[in-house]
Amino acid sequence: ASTVWEILKEAGVDPTPQRTSSTWAAFLNSQAHAVIAADFFETTTLTGARLYVLAVIEHATRRIRILGATAHPTAGWVAQTARNLVMDLEDTGCQVKYLIRDRDRKYPALFDTVLADAGIDVVLTGIRTPRMNAIMERWVRTCRRELLDRTLILNQRHLLHALREYETFYNGHRPHQGI
């Protein structure tokens, strides 16, 4: 009685062929200079109002960009943030090929269209797989721990001010140990 392994070996067939497809981690490492990731997260004001924040992070540098905050992330608002992001990336000379995002319903089709028109491919994460967007998810956790959990947010204007200050701090004064 032979095993399948032995039969394949005798026939000259390698039972464990080398994998040609790349892993997700290998893809992210090889394309880090051309990848940004986006995510929505929410916070609550002192009055109990919910505000939604949209941010992106550059994988290679861990530079964060706060795209905006709103109580009602309409399709028009989200599409406009995509246009603003594209203009900002062009102004800074950032060569982005991929944007990783989850399947949140807050992203309208126009969001992806604006990015596609700029030559940026949108990569959707798997369903219920936040680890596919781990760098962005980790930043959201850090932002909550270092800023939002320690600050009483009064309104949208106050939230945007606090986030802009945190963005400046995070991008300029904070050592990034993972780089």
N, C-alpha and C. Protein backbone atom coordinates (compact mmCIF):
# COMPACT_ATOMS: atom_id res chain seq x y z
N ALA A 1 0.86 -1.19 0.00
CA ALA A 1 0.00 0.00 0.00
C ALA A 1 0.89 1.23 0.00
N SER A 2 0.79 2.03 -1.05
CA SER A 2 1.59 3.23 -1.18
C SER A 2 0.74 4.46 -0.88
N THR A 3 1.41 5.47 -0.45
CA THR A 3 0.70 6.72 -0.23
C THR A 3 0.69 7.53 -1.51
N VAL A 4 -0.16 8.50 -1.58
CA VAL A 4 -0.22 9.38 -2.75
C VAL A 4 1.12 10.06 -2.94
N TRP A 5 1.75 10.42 -1.85
CA TRP A 5 3.06 11.08 -1.90
C TRP A 5 4.08 10.22 -2.65
N GLU A 6 4.14 8.94 -2.27
CA GLU A 6 5.10 8.02 -2.89
C GLU A 6 4.79 7.81 -4.37
N ILE A 7 3.52 7.70 -4.71
CA ILE A 7 3.13 7.51 -6.11
C ILE A 7 3.54 8.72 -6.95
N LEU A 8 3.30 9.91 -6.44
CA LEU A 8 3.68 11.12 -7.16
C LEU A 8 5.19 11.21 -7.32
N LYS A 9 5.93 10.88 -6.28
CA LYS A 9 7.39 10.92 -6.34
C LYS A 9 7.91 9.95 -7.40
N GLU A 10 7.37 8.72 -7.43
CA GLU A 10 7.80 7.73 -8.41
C GLU A 10 7.50 8.17 -9.84
N ALA A 11 6.42 8.94 -10.00
CA ALA A 11 6.03 9.41 -11.34
C ALA A 11 6.80 10.67 -11.74
N GLY A 12 7.66 11.16 -10.84
CA GLY A 12 8.43 12.36 -11.14
C GLY A 12 7.66 13.66 -10.97
N VAL A 13 6.57 13.59 -10.24
CA VAL A 13 5.75 14.78 -9.99
C VAL A 13 6.02 15.26 -8.58
N ASP A 14 6.37 16.53 -8.46
CA ASP A 14 6.62 17.10 -7.13
C ASP A 14 5.28 17.26 -6.41
N PRO A 15 5.08 16.55 -5.30
CA PRO A 15 3.79 16.63 -4.60
C PRO A 15 3.56 17.98 -3.91
N THR A 16 4.60 18.77 -3.76
CA THR A 16 4.43 20.10 -3.15
C THR A 16 5.02 21.15 -4.08
N PRO A 17 4.29 21.51 -5.13
CA PRO A 17 4.84 22.49 -6.08
C PRO A 17 5.04 23.85 -5.42
N GLN A 18 5.99 24.58 -5.96
CA GLN A 18 6.23 25.93 -5.45
C GLN A 18 5.03 26.80 -5.78
N ARG A 19 4.58 27.53 -4.82
CA ARG A 19 3.43 28.41 -5.02
C ARG A 19 3.88 29.63 -5.82
N THR A 20 3.12 29.95 -6.83
CA THR A 20 3.47 31.11 -7.65
C THR A 20 2.69 32.35 -7.24
N SER A 21 1.58 32.16 -6.57
CA SER A 21 0.80 33.33 -6.18
C SER A 21 1.42 33.96 -4.93
N SER A 22 1.32 35.26 -4.88
CA SER A 22 1.88 36.02 -3.77
C SER A 22 0.89 36.07 -2.61
N THR A 23 1.40 36.17 -1.42
CA THR A 23 0.53 36.33 -0.26
C THR A 23 0.14 37.80 -0.15
N TRP A 24 -0.89 38.07 0.63
CA TRP A 24 -1.34 39.44 0.84
C TRP A 24 -0.23 40.27 1.48
N ALA A 25 0.45 39.71 2.46
CA ALA A 25 1.54 40.44 3.14
C ALA A 25 2.68 40.74 2.17
N ALA A 26 3.01 39.78 1.32
CA ALA A 26 4.09 40.01 0.34
C ALA A 26 3.69 41.10 -0.65
N PHE A 27 2.43 41.10 -1.06
CA PHE A 27 1.94 42.15 -1.97
C PHE A 27 2.06 43.51 -1.31
N LEU A 28 1.61 43.62 -0.07
CA LEU A 28 1.66 44.91 0.63
C LEU A 28 3.09 45.39 0.80
N ASN A 29 4.00 44.48 1.15
CA ASN A 29 5.40 44.86 1.32
C ASN A 29 6.03 45.31 0.00
N SER A 30 5.74 44.62 -1.07
CA SER A 30 6.36 44.96 -2.35
C SER A 30 5.77 46.23 -2.96
N GLN A 31 4.54 46.54 -2.62
CA GLN A 31 3.86 47.70 -3.22
C GLN A 31 3.62 48.83 -2.22
N ALA A 32 4.27 48.80 -1.08
CA ALA A 32 3.98 49.77 -0.01
C ALA A 32 4.07 51.21 -0.48
N HIS A 33 5.02 51.52 -1.35
CA HIS A 33 5.18 52.90 -1.83
C HIS A 33 4.00 53.36 -2.69
N ALA A 34 3.20 52.42 -3.19
CA ALA A 34 2.10 52.76 -4.09
C ALA A 34 0.73 52.46 -3.48
N VAL A 35 0.68 52.19 -2.17
CA VAL A 35 -0.57 51.79 -1.53
C VAL A 35 -0.98 52.80 -0.47
N ILE A 36 -2.25 53.16 -0.50
CA ILE A 36 -2.86 53.90 0.60
C ILE A 36 -4.08 53.10 1.04
N ALA A 37 -4.51 53.32 2.26
CA ALA A 37 -5.67 52.62 2.79
C ALA A 37 -6.62 53.63 3.39
N ALA A 38 -7.91 53.38 3.24
CA ALA A 38 -8.94 54.30 3.73
C ALA A 38 -9.86 53.57 4.70
N ASP A 39 -10.44 54.34 5.60
CA ASP A 39 -11.43 53.77 6.50
C ASP A 39 -12.29 54.87 7.09
N PHE A 40 -13.54 54.52 7.35
CA PHE A 40 -14.46 55.35 8.11
C PHE A 40 -14.41 54.87 9.56
N PHE A 41 -14.50 55.81 10.48
CA PHE A 41 -14.74 55.44 11.87
C PHE A 41 -15.64 56.50 12.47
N GLU A 42 -16.29 56.15 13.55
CA GLU A 42 -17.23 57.09 14.14
C GLU A 42 -16.84 57.44 15.56
N THR A 43 -17.29 58.60 15.95
CA THR A 43 -17.09 59.05 17.32
C THR A 43 -18.37 59.75 17.76
N THR A 44 -18.50 59.96 19.04
CA THR A 44 -19.70 60.58 19.59
C THR A 44 -19.33 61.88 20.28
N THR A 45 -20.16 62.90 20.07
CA THR A 45 -19.92 64.19 20.72
C THR A 45 -20.46 64.16 22.13
N LEU A 46 -20.21 65.24 22.83
CA LEU A 46 -20.69 65.38 24.21
C LEU A 46 -22.21 65.32 24.29
N THR A 47 -22.89 65.76 23.22
CA THR A 47 -24.35 65.76 23.20
C THR A 47 -24.93 64.43 22.72
N GLY A 48 -24.06 63.49 22.34
CA GLY A 48 -24.52 62.19 21.89
C GLY A 48 -24.64 62.06 20.38
N ALA A 49 -24.33 63.12 19.65
CA ALA A 49 -24.41 63.07 18.19
C ALA A 49 -23.26 62.22 17.64
N ARG A 50 -23.55 61.44 16.61
CA ARG A 50 -22.53 60.63 15.96
C ARG A 50 -21.90 61.42 14.82
N LEU A 51 -20.58 61.34 14.75
CA LEU A 51 -19.84 61.95 13.65
C LEU A 51 -18.97 60.88 13.02
N TYR A 52 -18.93 60.90 11.70
CA TYR A 52 -18.16 59.91 10.95
C TYR A 52 -16.93 60.58 10.36
N VAL A 53 -15.79 59.95 10.53
CA VAL A 53 -14.51 60.48 10.06
C VAL A 53 -14.01 59.56 8.95
N LEU A 54 -13.51 60.18 7.87
CA LEU A 54 -12.89 59.42 6.79
C LEU A 54 -11.42 59.82 6.73
N ALA A 55 -10.54 58.83 6.78
CA ALA A 55 -9.10 59.09 6.78
C ALA A 55 -8.41 58.08 5.88
N VAL A 56 -7.22 58.45 5.40
CA VAL A 56 -6.38 57.53 4.63
C VAL A 56 -4.98 57.55 5.21
N ILE A 57 -4.25 56.46 4.98
CA ILE A 57 -2.88 56.35 5.45
C ILE A 57 -2.02 55.81 4.32
N GLU A 58 -0.83 56.36 4.17
CA GLU A 58 0.13 55.87 3.18
C GLU A 58 0.89 54.71 3.81
N HIS A 59 0.92 53.58 3.14
CA HIS A 59 1.57 52.40 3.72
C HIS A 59 3.07 52.58 3.91
N ALA A 60 3.74 53.20 2.96
CA ALA A 60 5.20 53.29 3.03
C ALA A 60 5.67 54.22 4.14
N THR A 61 5.01 55.35 4.31
CA THR A 61 5.47 56.36 5.26
C THR A 61 4.62 56.44 6.52
N ARG A 62 3.47 55.82 6.52
CA ARG A 62 2.48 55.89 7.61
C ARG A 62 1.94 57.31 7.78
N ARG A 63 2.08 58.12 6.75
CA ARG A 63 1.53 59.48 6.79
C ARG A 63 0.01 59.38 6.72
N ILE A 64 -0.64 60.08 7.63
CA ILE A 64 -2.09 60.04 7.72
C ILE A 64 -2.67 61.29 7.06
N ARG A 65 -3.83 61.16 6.48
CA ARG A 65 -4.56 62.29 5.90
C ARG A 65 -6.01 62.19 6.37
N ILE A 66 -6.45 63.20 7.10
CA ILE A 66 -7.85 63.27 7.52
C ILE A 66 -8.61 63.90 6.36
N LEU A 67 -9.53 63.17 5.76
CA LEU A 67 -10.27 63.69 4.61
C LEU A 67 -11.48 64.51 5.03
N GLY A 68 -12.02 64.25 6.20
CA GLY A 68 -13.16 65.02 6.66
C GLY A 68 -13.93 64.29 7.74
N ALA A 69 -14.91 65.02 8.28
CA ALA A 69 -15.80 64.47 9.30
C ALA A 69 -17.18 65.06 9.07
N THR A 70 -18.20 64.25 9.23
CA THR A 70 -19.56 64.71 9.00
C THR A 70 -20.54 63.85 9.80
N ALA A 71 -21.70 64.42 10.06
CA ALA A 71 -22.75 63.67 10.72
C ALA A 71 -23.50 62.78 9.73
N HIS A 72 -23.46 63.19 8.46
CA HIS A 72 -24.20 62.46 7.42
C HIS A 72 -23.30 62.24 6.21
N PRO A 73 -22.60 61.11 6.14
CA PRO A 73 -21.71 60.85 5.00
C PRO A 73 -22.50 60.48 3.73
N THR A 74 -23.03 61.50 3.07
CA THR A 74 -23.80 61.28 1.85
C THR A 74 -22.87 60.88 0.70
N ALA A 75 -23.47 60.36 -0.36
CA ALA A 75 -22.68 59.95 -1.53
C ALA A 75 -21.92 61.13 -2.11
N GLY A 76 -22.55 62.30 -2.16
CA GLY A 76 -21.88 63.49 -2.68
C GLY A 76 -20.70 63.91 -1.83
N TRP A 77 -20.87 63.86 -0.52
CA TRP A 77 -19.78 64.25 0.39
C TRP A 77 -18.60 63.30 0.25
N VAL A 78 -18.87 62.00 0.22
CA VAL A 78 -17.80 61.01 0.12
C VAL A 78 -17.08 61.12 -1.22
N ALA A 79 -17.84 61.34 -2.30
CA ALA A 79 -17.22 61.50 -3.62
C ALA A 79 -16.34 62.75 -3.65
N GLN A 80 -16.78 63.83 -2.99
CA GLN A 80 -15.97 65.04 -2.96
C GLN A 80 -14.68 64.82 -2.18
N THR A 81 -14.73 64.03 -1.12
CA THR A 81 -13.48 63.74 -0.39
C THR A 81 -12.52 62.97 -1.28
N ALA A 82 -13.05 62.10 -2.15
CA ALA A 82 -12.18 61.38 -3.09
C ALA A 82 -11.52 62.35 -4.06
N ARG A 83 -12.29 63.32 -4.56
CA ARG A 83 -11.72 64.33 -5.47
C ARG A 83 -10.63 65.13 -4.76
N ASN A 84 -10.92 65.53 -3.52
CA ASN A 84 -9.93 66.29 -2.74
C ASN A 84 -8.67 65.46 -2.51
N LEU A 85 -8.83 64.18 -2.23
CA LEU A 85 -7.69 63.29 -2.02
C LEU A 85 -6.84 63.20 -3.28
N VAL A 86 -7.48 63.03 -4.42
CA VAL A 86 -6.75 62.93 -5.69
C VAL A 86 -5.95 64.20 -5.94
N MET A 87 -6.58 65.36 -5.72
CA MET A 87 -5.86 66.64 -5.91
C MET A 87 -4.69 66.76 -4.95
N ASP A 88 -4.90 66.35 -3.69
CA ASP A 88 -3.83 66.42 -2.69
C ASP A 88 -2.67 65.50 -3.07
N LEU A 89 -2.99 64.30 -3.53
CA LEU A 89 -1.94 63.37 -3.94
C LEU A 89 -1.15 63.91 -5.13
N GLU A 90 -1.85 64.53 -6.08
CA GLU A 90 -1.18 65.12 -7.24
C GLU A 90 -0.29 66.29 -6.82
N ASP A 91 -0.79 67.12 -5.89
CA ASP A 91 -0.01 68.27 -5.43
C ASP A 91 1.28 67.86 -4.74
N THR A 92 1.23 66.75 -4.01
CA THR A 92 2.42 66.30 -3.27
C THR A 92 3.29 65.35 -4.09
N GLY A 93 2.86 65.01 -5.29
CA GLY A 93 3.65 64.12 -6.13
C GLY A 93 3.64 62.68 -5.68
N CYS A 94 2.64 62.31 -4.93
CA CYS A 94 2.54 60.94 -4.41
C CYS A 94 2.01 60.02 -5.52
N GLN A 95 2.76 58.99 -5.86
CA GLN A 95 2.40 58.06 -6.93
C GLN A 95 1.66 56.86 -6.33
N VAL A 96 0.35 56.94 -6.27
CA VAL A 96 -0.46 55.88 -5.67
C VAL A 96 -1.09 55.04 -6.78
N LYS A 97 -1.01 53.72 -6.62
CA LYS A 97 -1.63 52.81 -7.58
C LYS A 97 -2.84 52.09 -6.99
N TYR A 98 -2.82 51.90 -5.66
CA TYR A 98 -3.87 51.11 -5.02
C TYR A 98 -4.40 51.82 -3.78
N LEU A 99 -5.71 51.73 -3.59
CA LEU A 99 -6.34 52.18 -2.35
C LEU A 99 -7.10 50.98 -1.78
N ILE A 100 -6.77 50.63 -0.56
CA ILE A 100 -7.43 49.51 0.12
C ILE A 100 -8.55 50.08 0.98
N ARG A 101 -9.72 49.50 0.85
CA ARG A 101 -10.85 49.93 1.68
C ARG A 101 -11.74 48.74 1.96
N ASP A 102 -12.57 48.89 3.00
CA ASP A 102 -13.50 47.82 3.30
C ASP A 102 -14.76 47.99 2.45
N ARG A 103 -15.73 47.16 2.70
CA ARG A 103 -16.95 47.15 1.89
C ARG A 103 -18.08 47.95 2.53
N ASP A 104 -17.73 48.95 3.30
CA ASP A 104 -18.71 49.80 3.97
C ASP A 104 -19.65 50.43 2.94
N ARG A 105 -20.93 50.46 3.25
CA ARG A 105 -21.92 51.04 2.34
C ARG A 105 -21.80 52.56 2.22
N LYS A 106 -21.01 53.16 3.07
CA LYS A 106 -20.83 54.61 3.00
C LYS A 106 -20.04 55.03 1.75
N TYR A 107 -19.32 54.10 1.14
CA TYR A 107 -18.57 54.42 -0.08
C TYR A 107 -19.49 54.25 -1.28
N PRO A 108 -19.82 55.34 -1.97
CA PRO A 108 -20.66 55.20 -3.17
C PRO A 108 -19.81 54.74 -4.36
N ALA A 109 -20.48 54.32 -5.42
CA ALA A 109 -19.76 53.90 -6.63
C ALA A 109 -18.93 55.04 -7.19
N LEU A 110 -19.40 56.28 -7.01
CA LEU A 110 -18.68 57.44 -7.53
C LEU A 110 -17.31 57.59 -6.85
N PHE A 111 -17.19 57.18 -5.60
CA PHE A 111 -15.90 57.22 -4.90
C PHE A 111 -14.87 56.40 -5.67
N ASP A 112 -15.24 55.18 -6.02
CA ASP A 112 -14.34 54.30 -6.76
C ASP A 112 -14.08 54.84 -8.16
N THR A 113 -15.10 55.44 -8.78
CA THR A 113 -14.95 55.99 -10.13
C THR A 113 -13.96 57.14 -10.15
N VAL A 114 -14.05 58.04 -9.17
CA VAL A 114 -13.12 59.17 -9.09
C VAL A 114 -11.69 58.67 -8.98
N LEU A 115 -11.49 57.67 -8.13
CA LEU A 115 -10.14 57.12 -7.96
C LEU A 115 -9.67 56.39 -9.22
N ALA A 116 -10.56 55.64 -9.85
CA ALA A 116 -10.20 54.92 -11.08
C ALA A 116 -9.81 55.90 -12.18
N ASP A 117 -10.52 57.01 -12.28
CA ASP A 117 -10.20 58.03 -13.28
C ASP A 117 -8.81 58.63 -13.04
N ALA A 118 -8.36 58.59 -11.79
CA ALA A 118 -7.02 59.10 -11.45
C ALA A 118 -5.95 58.01 -11.56
N GLY A 119 -6.34 56.81 -11.98
CA GLY A 119 -5.39 55.72 -12.14
C GLY A 119 -5.14 54.93 -10.86
N ILE A 120 -6.04 55.05 -9.91
CA ILE A 120 -5.89 54.34 -8.63
C ILE A 120 -6.89 53.19 -8.60
N ASP A 121 -6.37 51.97 -8.47
CA ASP A 121 -7.23 50.79 -8.37
C ASP A 121 -7.71 50.64 -6.93
N VAL A 122 -9.01 50.44 -6.76
CA VAL A 122 -9.57 50.22 -5.44
C VAL A 122 -9.56 48.73 -5.16
N VAL A 123 -8.94 48.35 -4.05
CA VAL A 123 -8.86 46.95 -3.62
C VAL A 123 -9.79 46.80 -2.43
N LEU A 124 -10.83 46.00 -2.60
CA LEU A 124 -11.78 45.77 -1.51
C LEU A 124 -11.28 44.65 -0.62
N THR A 125 -11.40 44.85 0.67
CA THR A 125 -11.02 43.79 1.60
C THR A 125 -12.08 42.70 1.57
N GLY A 126 -11.72 41.55 2.06
CA GLY A 126 -12.68 40.47 2.16
C GLY A 126 -13.76 40.81 3.18
N ILE A 127 -14.85 40.11 3.09
CA ILE A 127 -15.95 40.34 4.02
C ILE A 127 -15.51 39.94 5.42
N ARG A 128 -15.68 40.85 6.35
CA ARG A 128 -15.32 40.63 7.76
C ARG A 128 -13.87 40.20 7.94
N THR A 129 -12.97 40.85 7.20
CA THR A 129 -11.54 40.57 7.34
C THR A 129 -10.78 41.88 7.53
N PRO A 130 -10.90 42.48 8.71
CA PRO A 130 -10.21 43.75 8.95
C PRO A 130 -8.69 43.64 8.89
N ARG A 131 -8.16 42.43 9.01
CA ARG A 131 -6.70 42.28 8.93
C ARG A 131 -6.17 42.60 7.54
N MET A 132 -7.02 42.59 6.53
CA MET A 132 -6.58 42.97 5.19
C MET A 132 -6.30 44.47 5.11
N ASN A 133 -6.82 45.22 6.06
CA ASN A 133 -6.58 46.66 6.12
C ASN A 133 -5.99 46.99 7.50
N ALA A 134 -5.08 46.15 7.96
CA ALA A 134 -4.59 46.22 9.33
C ALA A 134 -3.88 47.52 9.66
N ILE A 135 -3.14 48.09 8.72
CA ILE A 135 -2.40 49.32 9.01
C ILE A 135 -3.38 50.45 9.32
N MET A 136 -4.43 50.56 8.53
CA MET A 136 -5.42 51.61 8.77
C MET A 136 -6.20 51.33 10.04
N GLU A 137 -6.60 50.08 10.24
CA GLU A 137 -7.35 49.72 11.45
C GLU A 137 -6.52 50.00 12.70
N ARG A 138 -5.22 49.76 12.63
CA ARG A 138 -4.34 50.03 13.77
C ARG A 138 -4.26 51.52 14.04
N TRP A 139 -4.21 52.33 12.97
CA TRP A 139 -4.17 53.78 13.17
C TRP A 139 -5.46 54.27 13.82
N VAL A 140 -6.59 53.74 13.40
CA VAL A 140 -7.87 54.14 14.00
C VAL A 140 -7.85 53.83 15.49
N ARG A 141 -7.34 52.66 15.84
CA ARG A 141 -7.24 52.29 17.26
C ARG A 141 -6.33 53.25 18.02
N THR A 142 -5.20 53.61 17.40
CA THR A 142 -4.27 54.55 18.02
C THR A 142 -4.92 55.92 18.19
N CYS A 143 -5.62 56.37 17.18
CA CYS A 143 -6.31 57.67 17.24
C CYS A 143 -7.34 57.67 18.36
N ARG A 144 -8.08 56.60 18.48
CA ARG A 144 -9.06 56.52 19.57
C ARG A 144 -8.36 56.57 20.93
N ARG A 145 -7.31 55.76 21.09
CA ARG A 145 -6.63 55.68 22.38
C ARG A 145 -5.93 56.98 22.75
N GLU A 146 -5.23 57.59 21.79
CA GLU A 146 -4.43 58.77 22.10
C GLU A 146 -5.21 60.08 22.04
N LEU A 147 -6.31 60.13 21.30
CA LEU A 147 -7.03 61.39 21.15
C LEU A 147 -8.49 61.30 21.57
N LEU A 148 -9.26 60.49 20.90
CA LEU A 148 -10.71 60.53 21.08
C LEU A 148 -11.17 60.03 22.45
N ASP A 149 -10.48 59.07 23.03
CA ASP A 149 -10.86 58.58 24.36
C ASP A 149 -10.49 59.57 25.46
N ARG A 150 -9.65 60.55 25.15
CA ARG A 150 -9.17 61.51 26.14
C ARG A 150 -9.74 62.91 25.95
N THR A 151 -10.54 63.09 24.91
CA THR A 151 -11.03 64.42 24.58
C THR A 151 -12.55 64.42 24.52
N LEU A 152 -13.16 65.40 25.15
CA LEU A 152 -14.60 65.57 25.05
C LEU A 152 -14.88 66.41 23.81
N ILE A 153 -15.44 65.79 22.80
CA ILE A 153 -15.70 66.46 21.53
C ILE A 153 -17.04 67.19 21.63
N LEU A 154 -17.01 68.50 21.34
CA LEU A 154 -18.22 69.30 21.45
C LEU A 154 -19.10 69.21 20.21
N ASN A 155 -18.48 69.32 19.03
CA ASN A 155 -19.24 69.35 17.78
C ASN A 155 -18.30 68.98 16.62
N GLN A 156 -18.82 69.08 15.42
CA GLN A 156 -18.04 68.71 14.23
C GLN A 156 -16.81 69.60 14.07
N ARG A 157 -16.99 70.89 14.27
CA ARG A 157 -15.87 71.82 14.13
C ARG A 157 -14.75 71.49 15.12
N HIS A 158 -15.13 71.20 16.35
CA HIS A 158 -14.15 70.85 17.38
C HIS A 158 -13.45 69.54 17.02
N LEU A 159 -14.21 68.57 16.51
CA LEU A 159 -13.61 67.29 16.11
C LEU A 159 -12.59 67.50 15.00
N LEU A 160 -12.95 68.27 13.98
CA LEU A 160 -12.02 68.52 12.88
C LEU A 160 -10.76 69.22 13.36
N HIS A 161 -10.92 70.18 14.27
CA HIS A 161 -9.75 70.87 14.82
C HIS A 161 -8.84 69.89 15.57
N ALA A 162 -9.44 69.06 16.42
CA ALA A 162 -8.66 68.09 17.18
C ALA A 162 -7.97 67.09 16.25
N LEU A 163 -8.67 66.64 15.23
CA LEU A 163 -8.08 65.69 14.28
C LEU A 163 -6.95 66.31 13.48
N ARG A 164 -7.09 67.57 13.08
CA ARG A 164 -6.01 68.25 12.33
C ARG A 164 -4.77 68.39 13.21
N GLU A 165 -4.96 68.74 14.47
CA GLU A 165 -3.83 68.84 15.40
C GLU A 165 -3.17 67.48 15.58
N TYR A 166 -3.99 66.45 15.72
CA TYR A 166 -3.44 65.11 15.89
C TYR A 166 -2.72 64.65 14.62
N GLU A 167 -3.28 64.98 13.46
CA GLU A 167 -2.64 64.64 12.18
C GLU A 167 -1.25 65.27 12.09
N THR A 168 -1.13 66.54 12.47
CA THR A 168 0.16 67.22 12.46
C THR A 168 1.14 66.54 13.42
N PHE A 169 0.67 66.24 14.61
CA PHE A 169 1.49 65.55 15.60
C PHE A 169 1.93 64.18 15.09
N TYR A 170 0.99 63.40 14.60
CA TYR A 170 1.27 62.04 14.17
C TYR A 170 2.24 62.01 12.99
N ASN A 171 2.05 62.91 12.04
CA ASN A 171 2.90 62.92 10.84
C ASN A 171 4.26 63.54 11.07
N GLY A 172 4.38 64.44 12.05
CA GLY A 172 5.63 65.16 12.19
C GLY A 172 6.47 64.85 13.41
N HIS A 173 5.84 64.56 14.51
CA HIS A 173 6.59 64.47 15.76
C HIS A 173 6.61 63.09 16.37
N ARG A 174 5.92 62.16 15.79
CA ARG A 174 5.78 60.85 16.38
C ARG A 174 6.71 59.85 15.70
N PRO A 175 7.56 59.16 16.46
CA PRO A 175 8.43 58.15 15.82
C PRO A 175 7.60 56.93 15.40
N HIS A 176 7.81 56.49 14.19
CA HIS A 176 7.09 55.32 13.68
C HIS A 176 8.03 54.12 13.74
N GLN A 177 7.83 53.30 14.74
CA GLN A 177 8.74 52.19 14.98
C GLN A 177 8.62 51.09 13.94
N GLY A 178 7.51 51.03 13.24
CA GLY A 178 7.31 49.97 12.27
C GLY A 178 8.00 50.21 10.94
N ILE A 179 8.61 51.37 10.77
CA ILE A 179 9.23 51.70 9.47
C ILE A 179 10.71 51.42 9.51
